[in-house]
Amino acid sequence: MCLLSLDGGGVRGLSSLYIMKQLMETINFERPPKPCDYFDMIGGTSTGGLIAIMLGRLGMDVNECIKAYKAISPKIFTKVHHRINFKGRVQGRFDHTAIEAGVKELLKRGGLEEDARLQHSGPHMCKT
């Protein structure tokens, strides 16, 4: 079984995509495979989860994913100005509602409903 796990890191997730591009080109320079055709399962946390959805569930090739990631990054990686909320709790570095809206936008572009359940996969889909 061939697994791909992607870490978070905000905008730095782009570096993961460039590494993935190199790996796929190492497999076949003329026709690099899509990660969803090479890996049995793709997963990630935070930004890595967003990339996993694009590569695994939406079946993008790495170049498509880089293009989509660059387009969506300015919208979803706006830092929260105050990391401690009025209840004294520490908030995440980025606004979760912006990331959620970004995922929904990607799903719609990929032909899925914006609230599609991603836990189920068909027989020819990469587990994500």
N, C-alpha and C. Protein backbone atom coordinates (compact mmCIF):
# COMPACT_ATOMS: atom_id res chain seq x y z
N MET A 1 0.85 -1.16 0.00
CA MET A 1 0.00 0.00 0.00
C MET A 1 0.90 1.23 0.00
N CYS A 2 0.55 2.21 -0.82
CA CYS A 2 1.33 3.43 -0.98
C CYS A 2 0.53 4.61 -0.42
N LEU A 3 1.03 5.22 0.66
CA LEU A 3 0.32 6.29 1.35
C LEU A 3 1.04 7.62 1.18
N LEU A 4 0.26 8.71 1.13
CA LEU A 4 0.81 10.05 1.09
C LEU A 4 0.19 10.84 2.22
N SER A 5 1.03 11.38 3.10
CA SER A 5 0.57 12.19 4.21
C SER A 5 1.17 13.58 4.08
N LEU A 6 0.31 14.60 4.12
CA LEU A 6 0.75 15.97 3.92
C LEU A 6 0.52 16.79 5.19
N ASP A 7 1.53 17.51 5.61
CA ASP A 7 1.44 18.32 6.82
C ASP A 7 0.85 19.68 6.48
N GLY A 8 0.41 20.39 7.51
CA GLY A 8 -0.10 21.74 7.34
C GLY A 8 1.05 22.72 7.23
N GLY A 9 0.73 23.98 7.40
CA GLY A 9 1.79 24.99 7.35
C GLY A 9 1.39 26.22 6.59
N GLY A 10 0.09 26.41 6.39
CA GLY A 10 -0.36 27.62 5.70
C GLY A 10 0.16 27.68 4.28
N VAL A 11 0.66 28.83 3.90
CA VAL A 11 1.12 29.06 2.54
C VAL A 11 2.32 28.17 2.21
N ARG A 12 3.03 27.71 3.21
CA ARG A 12 4.19 26.85 2.97
C ARG A 12 3.80 25.51 2.36
N GLY A 13 2.51 25.21 2.34
CA GLY A 13 2.05 23.98 1.69
C GLY A 13 2.43 23.94 0.23
N LEU A 14 2.66 25.09 -0.35
CA LEU A 14 3.09 25.16 -1.75
C LEU A 14 4.41 24.41 -1.95
N SER A 15 5.29 24.45 -0.95
CA SER A 15 6.55 23.72 -1.06
C SER A 15 6.30 22.22 -1.15
N SER A 16 5.29 21.72 -0.44
CA SER A 16 4.93 20.30 -0.53
C SER A 16 4.53 19.94 -1.95
N LEU A 17 3.82 20.86 -2.59
CA LEU A 17 3.37 20.60 -3.96
C LEU A 17 4.54 20.58 -4.94
N TYR A 18 5.52 21.45 -4.74
CA TYR A 18 6.68 21.43 -5.63
C TYR A 18 7.52 20.16 -5.43
N ILE A 19 7.59 19.68 -4.20
CA ILE A 19 8.28 18.41 -3.95
C ILE A 19 7.51 17.28 -4.62
N MET A 20 6.17 17.31 -4.50
CA MET A 20 5.34 16.28 -5.14
C MET A 20 5.51 16.32 -6.66
N LYS A 21 5.61 17.49 -7.21
CA LYS A 21 5.82 17.64 -8.66
C LYS A 21 7.11 16.94 -9.08
N GLN A 22 8.20 17.16 -8.30
CA GLN A 22 9.47 16.50 -8.58
C GLN A 22 9.35 14.98 -8.49
N LEU A 23 8.65 14.52 -7.46
CA LEU A 23 8.48 13.07 -7.29
C LEU A 23 7.73 12.45 -8.46
N MET A 24 6.64 13.09 -8.87
CA MET A 24 5.84 12.55 -9.97
C MET A 24 6.63 12.58 -11.28
N GLU A 25 7.45 13.62 -11.48
CA GLU A 25 8.29 13.70 -12.68
C GLU A 25 9.42 12.68 -12.64
N THR A 26 9.85 12.29 -11.44
CA THR A 26 10.87 11.25 -11.31
C THR A 26 10.30 9.90 -11.75
N ILE A 27 9.03 9.68 -11.48
CA ILE A 27 8.38 8.43 -11.88
C ILE A 27 8.26 8.36 -13.39
N ASN A 28 7.82 9.45 -14.01
CA ASN A 28 7.70 9.51 -15.47
C ASN A 28 7.77 10.97 -15.88
N PHE A 29 8.91 11.38 -16.43
CA PHE A 29 9.11 12.78 -16.76
C PHE A 29 8.17 13.24 -17.88
N GLU A 30 7.99 12.41 -18.88
CA GLU A 30 7.15 12.77 -20.02
C GLU A 30 5.67 12.87 -19.66
N ARG A 31 5.21 11.94 -18.85
CA ARG A 31 3.81 11.88 -18.43
C ARG A 31 3.72 11.59 -16.94
N PRO A 32 3.98 12.61 -16.12
CA PRO A 32 3.92 12.37 -14.67
C PRO A 32 2.53 11.90 -14.25
N PRO A 33 2.46 10.86 -13.43
CA PRO A 33 1.15 10.38 -13.00
C PRO A 33 0.48 11.36 -12.04
N LYS A 34 -0.83 11.31 -12.00
CA LYS A 34 -1.55 12.05 -10.98
C LYS A 34 -1.31 11.33 -9.66
N PRO A 35 -1.15 12.07 -8.58
CA PRO A 35 -0.98 11.41 -7.28
C PRO A 35 -2.12 10.44 -6.95
N CYS A 36 -3.35 10.76 -7.37
CA CYS A 36 -4.48 9.86 -7.07
C CYS A 36 -4.37 8.54 -7.82
N ASP A 37 -3.59 8.51 -8.90
CA ASP A 37 -3.39 7.26 -9.64
C ASP A 37 -2.20 6.47 -9.11
N TYR A 38 -1.39 7.10 -8.29
CA TYR A 38 -0.19 6.46 -7.78
C TYR A 38 -0.34 6.02 -6.32
N PHE A 39 -0.97 6.85 -5.51
CA PHE A 39 -1.12 6.56 -4.09
C PHE A 39 -2.47 5.89 -3.81
N ASP A 40 -2.47 4.95 -2.86
CA ASP A 40 -3.70 4.28 -2.47
C ASP A 40 -4.54 5.14 -1.54
N MET A 41 -3.87 5.99 -0.75
CA MET A 41 -4.57 6.86 0.18
C MET A 41 -3.77 8.15 0.34
N ILE A 42 -4.50 9.29 0.35
CA ILE A 42 -3.87 10.59 0.54
C ILE A 42 -4.60 11.29 1.68
N GLY A 43 -3.84 11.79 2.65
CA GLY A 43 -4.45 12.50 3.77
C GLY A 43 -3.55 13.62 4.24
N GLY A 44 -4.10 14.47 5.07
CA GLY A 44 -3.29 15.56 5.59
C GLY A 44 -4.02 16.32 6.68
N THR A 45 -3.28 17.19 7.34
CA THR A 45 -3.85 18.04 8.37
C THR A 45 -3.77 19.49 7.92
N SER A 46 -4.80 20.25 8.25
CA SER A 46 -4.84 21.67 7.94
C SER A 46 -4.62 21.89 6.44
N THR A 47 -3.60 22.63 6.08
CA THR A 47 -3.32 22.89 4.67
C THR A 47 -3.06 21.58 3.92
N GLY A 48 -2.43 20.64 4.58
CA GLY A 48 -2.19 19.34 3.96
C GLY A 48 -3.48 18.63 3.63
N GLY A 49 -4.51 18.82 4.46
CA GLY A 49 -5.83 18.25 4.18
C GLY A 49 -6.46 18.88 2.96
N LEU A 50 -6.27 20.18 2.81
CA LEU A 50 -6.78 20.89 1.63
C LEU A 50 -6.11 20.35 0.36
N ILE A 51 -4.80 20.17 0.42
CA ILE A 51 -4.06 19.62 -0.72
C ILE A 51 -4.50 18.19 -0.99
N ALA A 52 -4.72 17.41 0.08
CA ALA A 52 -5.18 16.03 -0.08
C ALA A 52 -6.51 15.97 -0.80
N ILE A 53 -7.41 16.88 -0.48
CA ILE A 53 -8.71 16.93 -1.17
C ILE A 53 -8.50 17.20 -2.65
N MET A 54 -7.63 18.16 -2.96
CA MET A 54 -7.41 18.51 -4.36
C MET A 54 -6.76 17.36 -5.14
N LEU A 55 -5.72 16.75 -4.55
CA LEU A 55 -5.01 15.68 -5.26
C LEU A 55 -5.77 14.37 -5.25
N GLY A 56 -6.38 14.04 -4.12
CA GLY A 56 -7.04 12.74 -3.98
C GLY A 56 -8.48 12.74 -4.42
N ARG A 57 -9.29 13.52 -3.75
CA ARG A 57 -10.74 13.49 -4.01
C ARG A 57 -11.11 14.13 -5.35
N LEU A 58 -10.46 15.27 -5.67
CA LEU A 58 -10.79 15.95 -6.93
C LEU A 58 -9.94 15.44 -8.10
N GLY A 59 -8.95 14.63 -7.81
CA GLY A 59 -8.15 14.00 -8.86
C GLY A 59 -7.32 14.95 -9.69
N MET A 60 -6.90 16.06 -9.10
CA MET A 60 -6.08 17.02 -9.84
C MET A 60 -4.67 16.48 -10.04
N ASP A 61 -4.04 16.88 -11.15
CA ASP A 61 -2.61 16.61 -11.25
C ASP A 61 -1.89 17.70 -10.45
N VAL A 62 -0.60 17.56 -10.26
CA VAL A 62 0.11 18.48 -9.38
C VAL A 62 0.09 19.90 -9.93
N ASN A 63 0.25 20.07 -11.24
CA ASN A 63 0.24 21.42 -11.81
C ASN A 63 -1.12 22.10 -11.61
N GLU A 64 -2.20 21.36 -11.78
CA GLU A 64 -3.54 21.92 -11.53
C GLU A 64 -3.68 22.32 -10.07
N CYS A 65 -3.15 21.49 -9.19
CA CYS A 65 -3.24 21.75 -7.77
C CYS A 65 -2.44 23.00 -7.39
N ILE A 66 -1.26 23.14 -7.95
CA ILE A 66 -0.44 24.34 -7.68
C ILE A 66 -1.19 25.59 -8.12
N LYS A 67 -1.78 25.53 -9.31
CA LYS A 67 -2.53 26.68 -9.83
C LYS A 67 -3.72 27.03 -8.93
N ALA A 68 -4.48 26.02 -8.54
CA ALA A 68 -5.64 26.24 -7.67
C ALA A 68 -5.21 26.74 -6.29
N TYR A 69 -4.12 26.17 -5.78
CA TYR A 69 -3.62 26.56 -4.46
C TYR A 69 -3.18 28.02 -4.45
N LYS A 70 -2.48 28.43 -5.51
CA LYS A 70 -2.05 29.83 -5.61
C LYS A 70 -3.25 30.77 -5.71
N ALA A 71 -4.30 30.34 -6.41
CA ALA A 71 -5.48 31.17 -6.58
C ALA A 71 -6.25 31.33 -5.28
N ILE A 72 -6.31 30.28 -4.49
CA ILE A 72 -7.13 30.29 -3.29
C ILE A 72 -6.36 30.78 -2.05
N SER A 73 -5.05 30.71 -2.07
CA SER A 73 -4.24 31.07 -0.90
C SER A 73 -4.49 32.46 -0.35
N PRO A 74 -4.55 33.50 -1.18
CA PRO A 74 -4.77 34.83 -0.60
C PRO A 74 -6.10 34.95 0.15
N LYS A 75 -7.08 34.17 -0.26
CA LYS A 75 -8.40 34.23 0.39
C LYS A 75 -8.41 33.51 1.73
N ILE A 76 -7.71 32.39 1.82
CA ILE A 76 -7.84 31.56 3.01
C ILE A 76 -6.72 31.74 4.03
N PHE A 77 -5.62 32.34 3.62
CA PHE A 77 -4.49 32.49 4.55
C PHE A 77 -4.32 33.92 5.02
N THR A 78 -5.43 34.51 5.42
CA THR A 78 -5.40 35.82 6.04
C THR A 78 -5.28 35.60 7.53
N LYS A 79 -4.22 36.10 8.12
CA LYS A 79 -3.97 35.86 9.54
C LYS A 79 -5.02 36.54 10.42
N VAL A 80 -5.39 35.86 11.47
CA VAL A 80 -6.28 36.41 12.48
C VAL A 80 -5.47 37.43 13.27
N HIS A 81 -6.00 38.63 13.42
CA HIS A 81 -5.24 39.70 14.08
C HIS A 81 -5.08 39.48 15.58
N HIS A 82 -6.11 38.99 16.22
CA HIS A 82 -6.05 38.79 17.66
C HIS A 82 -6.15 37.29 17.93
N ARG A 83 -5.07 36.71 18.39
CA ARG A 83 -5.02 35.27 18.59
C ARG A 83 -5.73 34.83 19.87
N ILE A 84 -6.05 35.76 20.75
CA ILE A 84 -6.79 35.42 21.97
C ILE A 84 -8.15 36.09 21.87
N ASN A 85 -9.22 35.27 21.98
CA ASN A 85 -10.56 35.82 21.83
C ASN A 85 -11.03 36.45 23.14
N PHE A 86 -12.24 36.98 23.11
CA PHE A 86 -12.76 37.69 24.28
C PHE A 86 -12.97 36.78 25.49
N LYS A 87 -13.00 35.46 25.28
CA LYS A 87 -13.12 34.52 26.41
C LYS A 87 -11.75 34.07 26.92
N GLY A 88 -10.69 34.64 26.36
CA GLY A 88 -9.34 34.30 26.81
C GLY A 88 -8.78 33.04 26.17
N ARG A 89 -9.46 32.51 25.16
CA ARG A 89 -8.98 31.30 24.47
C ARG A 89 -8.11 31.66 23.28
N VAL A 90 -7.08 30.84 23.07
CA VAL A 90 -6.19 31.05 21.93
C VAL A 90 -6.90 30.55 20.67
N GLN A 91 -6.86 31.40 19.63
CA GLN A 91 -7.47 31.03 18.35
C GLN A 91 -6.38 30.54 17.41
N GLY A 92 -6.80 29.88 16.33
CA GLY A 92 -5.86 29.44 15.31
C GLY A 92 -5.25 30.63 14.59
N ARG A 93 -4.19 30.38 13.87
CA ARG A 93 -3.50 31.46 13.16
C ARG A 93 -4.34 31.99 12.00
N PHE A 94 -5.15 31.13 11.38
CA PHE A 94 -5.96 31.54 10.25
C PHE A 94 -7.43 31.39 10.58
N ASP A 95 -8.27 32.11 9.88
CA ASP A 95 -9.71 32.08 10.09
C ASP A 95 -10.29 30.80 9.50
N HIS A 96 -10.84 29.95 10.35
CA HIS A 96 -11.36 28.67 9.89
C HIS A 96 -12.53 28.83 8.91
N THR A 97 -13.28 29.91 9.02
CA THR A 97 -14.41 30.11 8.09
C THR A 97 -13.90 30.40 6.68
N ALA A 98 -12.75 31.08 6.57
CA ALA A 98 -12.17 31.34 5.25
C ALA A 98 -11.67 30.04 4.62
N ILE A 99 -11.06 29.18 5.43
CA ILE A 99 -10.58 27.89 4.91
C ILE A 99 -11.76 27.02 4.50
N GLU A 100 -12.82 27.02 5.30
CA GLU A 100 -14.03 26.26 4.97
C GLU A 100 -14.62 26.76 3.65
N ALA A 101 -14.70 28.07 3.48
CA ALA A 101 -15.23 28.64 2.23
C ALA A 101 -14.34 28.25 1.05
N GLY A 102 -13.03 28.20 1.27
CA GLY A 102 -12.10 27.79 0.22
C GLY A 102 -12.30 26.35 -0.20
N VAL A 103 -12.50 25.47 0.77
CA VAL A 103 -12.76 24.06 0.46
C VAL A 103 -14.06 23.93 -0.33
N LYS A 104 -15.09 24.63 0.09
CA LYS A 104 -16.38 24.57 -0.61
C LYS A 104 -16.25 25.07 -2.04
N GLU A 105 -15.46 26.13 -2.23
CA GLU A 105 -15.24 26.65 -3.58
C GLU A 105 -14.54 25.62 -4.46
N LEU A 106 -13.52 24.95 -3.90
CA LEU A 106 -12.80 23.92 -4.65
C LEU A 106 -13.71 22.75 -5.00
N LEU A 107 -14.56 22.35 -4.06
CA LEU A 107 -15.47 21.23 -4.31
C LEU A 107 -16.44 21.59 -5.45
N LYS A 108 -16.96 22.80 -5.43
CA LYS A 108 -17.88 23.22 -6.49
C LYS A 108 -17.17 23.24 -7.84
N ARG A 109 -15.95 23.77 -7.86
CA ARG A 109 -15.17 23.78 -9.11
C ARG A 109 -14.89 22.37 -9.60
N GLY A 110 -14.76 21.42 -8.66
CA GLY A 110 -14.49 20.03 -9.01
C GLY A 110 -15.74 19.24 -9.37
N GLY A 111 -16.90 19.91 -9.41
CA GLY A 111 -18.13 19.25 -9.82
C GLY A 111 -18.87 18.56 -8.69
N LEU A 112 -18.50 18.83 -7.44
CA LEU A 112 -19.17 18.23 -6.30
C LEU A 112 -20.02 19.29 -5.60
N GLU A 113 -20.97 18.84 -4.82
CA GLU A 113 -21.75 19.76 -4.00
C GLU A 113 -20.82 20.35 -2.94
N GLU A 114 -21.05 21.61 -2.57
CA GLU A 114 -20.16 22.25 -1.60
C GLU A 114 -20.21 21.60 -0.23
N ASP A 115 -21.29 20.89 0.07
CA ASP A 115 -21.37 20.19 1.35
C ASP A 115 -21.28 18.67 1.16
N ALA A 116 -20.60 18.26 0.09
CA ALA A 116 -20.44 16.83 -0.21
C ALA A 116 -19.73 16.13 0.94
N ARG A 117 -20.23 14.96 1.28
CA ARG A 117 -19.57 14.16 2.31
C ARG A 117 -18.36 13.49 1.67
N LEU A 118 -17.21 13.71 2.23
CA LEU A 118 -15.98 13.23 1.63
C LEU A 118 -15.51 11.91 2.21
N GLN A 119 -16.30 11.32 3.09
CA GLN A 119 -15.87 10.07 3.72
C GLN A 119 -16.08 8.86 2.82
N HIS A 120 -16.95 8.98 1.83
CA HIS A 120 -17.23 7.85 0.94
C HIS A 120 -16.47 8.02 -0.36
N SER A 121 -15.99 6.93 -0.89
CA SER A 121 -15.31 6.98 -2.16
C SER A 121 -15.78 5.82 -3.02
N GLY A 122 -15.79 6.05 -4.31
CA GLY A 122 -16.21 5.01 -5.24
C GLY A 122 -15.08 4.03 -5.50
N PRO A 123 -15.35 3.01 -6.28
CA PRO A 123 -14.34 1.98 -6.52
C PRO A 123 -13.11 2.49 -7.26
N HIS A 124 -13.24 3.59 -8.01
CA HIS A 124 -12.11 4.09 -8.78
C HIS A 124 -11.55 5.40 -8.21
N MET A 125 -11.91 5.69 -6.98
CA MET A 125 -11.43 6.92 -6.36
C MET A 125 -10.32 6.61 -5.37
N CYS A 126 -9.40 7.55 -5.28
CA CYS A 126 -8.33 7.45 -4.27
C CYS A 126 -8.95 7.75 -2.91
N LYS A 127 -8.66 6.94 -1.93
CA LYS A 127 -9.16 7.22 -0.58
C LYS A 127 -8.49 8.48 -0.07
N THR A 128 -9.29 9.37 0.43
CA THR A 128 -8.78 10.67 0.88
C THR A 128 -9.29 10.95 2.28
